């Protein structure tokens, strides 16, 4: 049940409880409205508490991905625009060092 459904339940319950003059035999519409409002309020509380647990805290820290690398993008492929890990072997002089 999403947040929109919870708000609709609260609104419909309030209309049935406070703004309607309808009388249906065997059904107390005031009680039905109160029940709908209670379910909507409980649903809203549960929805917001679950949403708080899913979201990472704002402010300091690296968020979901962690701290960014100095070389640019951080992601599943690493830095250097997706061309590998972005770590290059040290070159020490050319063909003379091949031996």
C-alpha atoms as a PDB file:
ATOM      1  CA  UNK A   1       0.000   0.000   0.000  1.00  0.00           C
ATOM      2  CA  UNK A   2       1.581   3.261  -1.104  1.00  0.00           C
ATOM      3  CA  UNK A   3       1.454   6.687   0.400  1.00  0.00           C
ATOM      4  CA  UNK A   4      -1.227   7.837  -2.046  1.00  0.00           C
ATOM      5  CA  UNK A   5      -3.572   5.029  -1.035  1.00  0.00           C
ATOM      6  CA  UNK A   6      -3.062   5.880   2.642  1.00  0.00           C
ATOM      7  CA  UNK A   7      -3.940   9.527   2.037  1.00  0.00           C
ATOM      8  CA  UNK A   8      -7.043   8.517   0.055  1.00  0.00           C
ATOM      9  CA  UNK A   9      -8.140   6.230   2.914  1.00  0.00           C
ATOM     10  CA  UNK A  10      -7.770   9.086   5.395  1.00  0.00           C
ATOM     11  CA  UNK A  11      -9.749  11.446   3.140  1.00  0.00           C
ATOM     12  CA  UNK A  12     -12.574   8.981   2.452  1.00  0.00           C
ATOM     13  CA  UNK A  13     -12.784   8.101   6.145  1.00  0.00           C
ATOM     14  CA  UNK A  14     -12.978  11.763   7.114  1.00  0.00           C
ATOM     15  CA  UNK A  15     -15.717  12.369   4.546  1.00  0.00           C
ATOM     16  CA  UNK A  16     -17.740   9.407   5.806  1.00  0.00           C
ATOM     17  CA  UNK A  17     -17.296  10.423   9.445  1.00  0.00           C
ATOM     18  CA  UNK A  18     -17.685  14.190   9.371  1.00  0.00           C
ATOM     19  CA  UNK A  19     -19.315  15.270   6.105  1.00  0.00           C
ATOM     20  CA  UNK A  20     -21.966  12.705   5.238  1.00  0.00           C
ATOM     21  CA  UNK A  21     -25.577  12.471   6.362  1.00  0.00           C
ATOM     22  CA  UNK A  22     -26.158   9.088   4.797  1.00  0.00           C
ATOM     23  CA  UNK A  23     -27.833   6.371   6.792  1.00  0.00           C
ATOM     24  CA  UNK A  24     -27.599   2.770   5.695  1.00  0.00           C
ATOM     25  CA  UNK A  25     -29.510   0.171   7.646  1.00  0.00           C
ATOM     26  CA  UNK A  26     -27.171  -2.141   9.513  1.00  0.00           C
ATOM     27  CA  UNK A  27     -24.003  -0.104   8.795  1.00  0.00           C
ATOM     28  CA  UNK A  28     -22.616   2.637  10.992  1.00  0.00           C
ATOM     29  CA  UNK A  29     -20.856   4.944   8.510  1.00  0.00           C
ATOM     30  CA  UNK A  30     -19.231   6.962  11.272  1.00  0.00           C
ATOM     31  CA  UNK A  31     -17.482   3.824  12.522  1.00  0.00           C
ATOM     32  CA  UNK A  32     -16.502   2.804   8.976  1.00  0.00           C
ATOM     33  CA  UNK A  33     -14.999   6.267   8.465  1.00  0.00           C
ATOM     34  CA  UNK A  34     -13.052   6.075  11.711  1.00  0.00           C
ATOM     35  CA  UNK A  35     -11.709   2.647  10.756  1.00  0.00           C
ATOM     36  CA  UNK A  36     -10.625   3.913   7.329  1.00  0.00           C
ATOM     37  CA  UNK A  37      -8.871   6.911   8.893  1.00  0.00           C
ATOM     38  CA  UNK A  38      -7.081   4.670  11.405  1.00  0.00           C
ATOM     39  CA  UNK A  39      -5.908   2.288   8.673  1.00  0.00           C
ATOM     40  CA  UNK A  40      -4.699   5.244   6.590  1.00  0.00           C
ATOM     41  CA  UNK A  41      -2.760   6.755   9.489  1.00  0.00           C
ATOM     42  CA  UNK A  42      -1.176   3.422  10.413  1.00  0.00           C
ATOM     43  CA  UNK A  43      -0.289   2.791   6.753  1.00  0.00           C
ATOM     44  CA  UNK A  44       1.312   6.217   6.458  1.00  0.00           C
ATOM     45  CA  UNK A  45       3.399   5.606   9.588  1.00  0.00           C
ATOM     46  CA  UNK A  46       4.538   2.194   8.359  1.00  0.00           C
ATOM     47  CA  UNK A  47       5.330   3.535   4.884  1.00  0.00           C
ATOM     48  CA  UNK A  48       7.442   6.402   6.183  1.00  0.00           C
ATOM     49  CA  UNK A  49       9.324   4.191   8.636  1.00  0.00           C
ATOM     50  CA  UNK A  50      10.168   1.703   5.875  1.00  0.00           C
ATOM     51  CA  UNK A  51      11.207   4.559   3.585  1.00  0.00           C
ATOM     52  CA  UNK A  52      13.550   5.894   6.288  1.00  0.00           C
ATOM     53  CA  UNK A  53      15.224   2.502   6.672  1.00  0.00           C
ATOM     54  CA  UNK A  54      15.829   2.174   2.915  1.00  0.00           C
ATOM     55  CA  UNK A  55      17.345   5.618   2.383  1.00  0.00           C
ATOM     56  CA  UNK A  56      20.984   6.220   3.229  1.00  0.00           C
ATOM     57  CA  UNK A  57      21.542   9.036   5.694  1.00  0.00           C
ATOM     58  CA  UNK A  58      22.206  12.443   4.198  1.00  0.00           C
ATOM     59  CA  UNK A  59      25.261  14.476   4.969  1.00  0.00           C
ATOM     60  CA  UNK A  60      28.724  13.077   5.517  1.00  0.00           C
ATOM     61  CA  UNK A  61      29.871   9.799   4.137  1.00  0.00           C
ATOM     62  CA  UNK A  62      30.093   8.500   0.644  1.00  0.00           C
ATOM     63  CA  UNK A  63      26.469   7.593   0.191  1.00  0.00           C
ATOM     64  CA  UNK A  64      25.631   4.333  -1.542  1.00  0.00           C
ATOM     65  CA  UNK A  65      28.732   4.025  -3.703  1.00  0.00           C
ATOM     66  CA  UNK A  66      31.296   5.082  -1.138  1.00  0.00           C
ATOM     67  CA  UNK A  67      34.006   7.710  -1.535  1.00  0.00           C
ATOM     68  CA  UNK A  68      34.878   8.798  -5.053  1.00  0.00           C
ATOM     69  CA  UNK A  69      38.236   8.064  -6.571  1.00  0.00           C
ATOM     70  CA  UNK A  70      40.624  10.851  -7.419  1.00  0.00           C
ATOM     71  CA  UNK A  71      40.781   9.752 -11.065  1.00  0.00           C
ATOM     72  CA  UNK A  72      37.170  10.405 -12.053  1.00  0.00           C
ATOM     73  CA  UNK A  73      34.228   8.065 -12.221  1.00  0.00           C
ATOM     74  CA  UNK A  74      33.611   5.380  -9.705  1.00  0.00           C
ATOM     75  CA  UNK A  75      31.417   2.527 -10.721  1.00  0.00           C
ATOM     76  CA  UNK A  76      31.427  -1.178 -11.480  1.00  0.00           C
ATOM     77  CA  UNK A  77      34.146  -0.803 -14.145  1.00  0.00           C
ATOM     78  CA  UNK A  78      36.344   1.611 -12.277  1.00  0.00           C
ATOM     79  CA  UNK A  79      37.807   4.846 -13.527  1.00  0.00           C
ATOM     80  CA  UNK A  80      39.285   5.871 -16.884  1.00  0.00           C
ATOM     81  CA  UNK A  81      35.966   6.036 -18.701  1.00  0.00           C
ATOM     82  CA  UNK A  82      35.198   2.324 -18.494  1.00  0.00           C
ATOM     83  CA  UNK A  83      38.501   1.126 -20.051  1.00  0.00           C
ATOM     84  CA  UNK A  84      39.459  -1.181 -17.246  1.00  0.00           C
ATOM     85  CA  UNK A  85      40.638  -0.386 -13.768  1.00  0.00           C
ATOM     86  CA  UNK A  86      42.466   2.791 -14.726  1.00  0.00           C
ATOM     87  CA  UNK A  87      45.749   1.515 -13.294  1.00  0.00           C
ATOM     88  CA  UNK A  88      48.581   1.540 -15.818  1.00  0.00           C
ATOM     89  CA  UNK A  89      51.879  -0.322 -15.375  1.00  0.00           C
ATOM     90  CA  UNK A  90      54.843   1.914 -14.774  1.00  0.00           C
ATOM     91  CA  UNK A  91      56.913   2.437 -17.863  1.00  0.00           C
ATOM     92  CA  UNK A  92      60.567   2.658 -17.128  1.00  0.00           C
ATOM     93  CA  UNK A  93      62.313   3.506 -20.335  1.00  0.00           C
ATOM     94  CA  UNK A  94      61.378   1.582 -23.429  1.00  0.00           C
ATOM     95  CA  UNK A  95      62.890  -1.323 -25.372  1.00  0.00           C
ATOM     96  CA  UNK A  96      66.110  -1.397 -23.355  1.00  0.00           C
ATOM     97  CA  UNK A  97      64.252  -2.651 -20.283  1.00  0.00           C
ATOM     98  CA  UNK A  98      62.586  -5.510 -22.178  1.00  0.00           C
ATOM     99  CA  UNK A  99      65.436  -7.875 -21.361  1.00  0.00           C
END
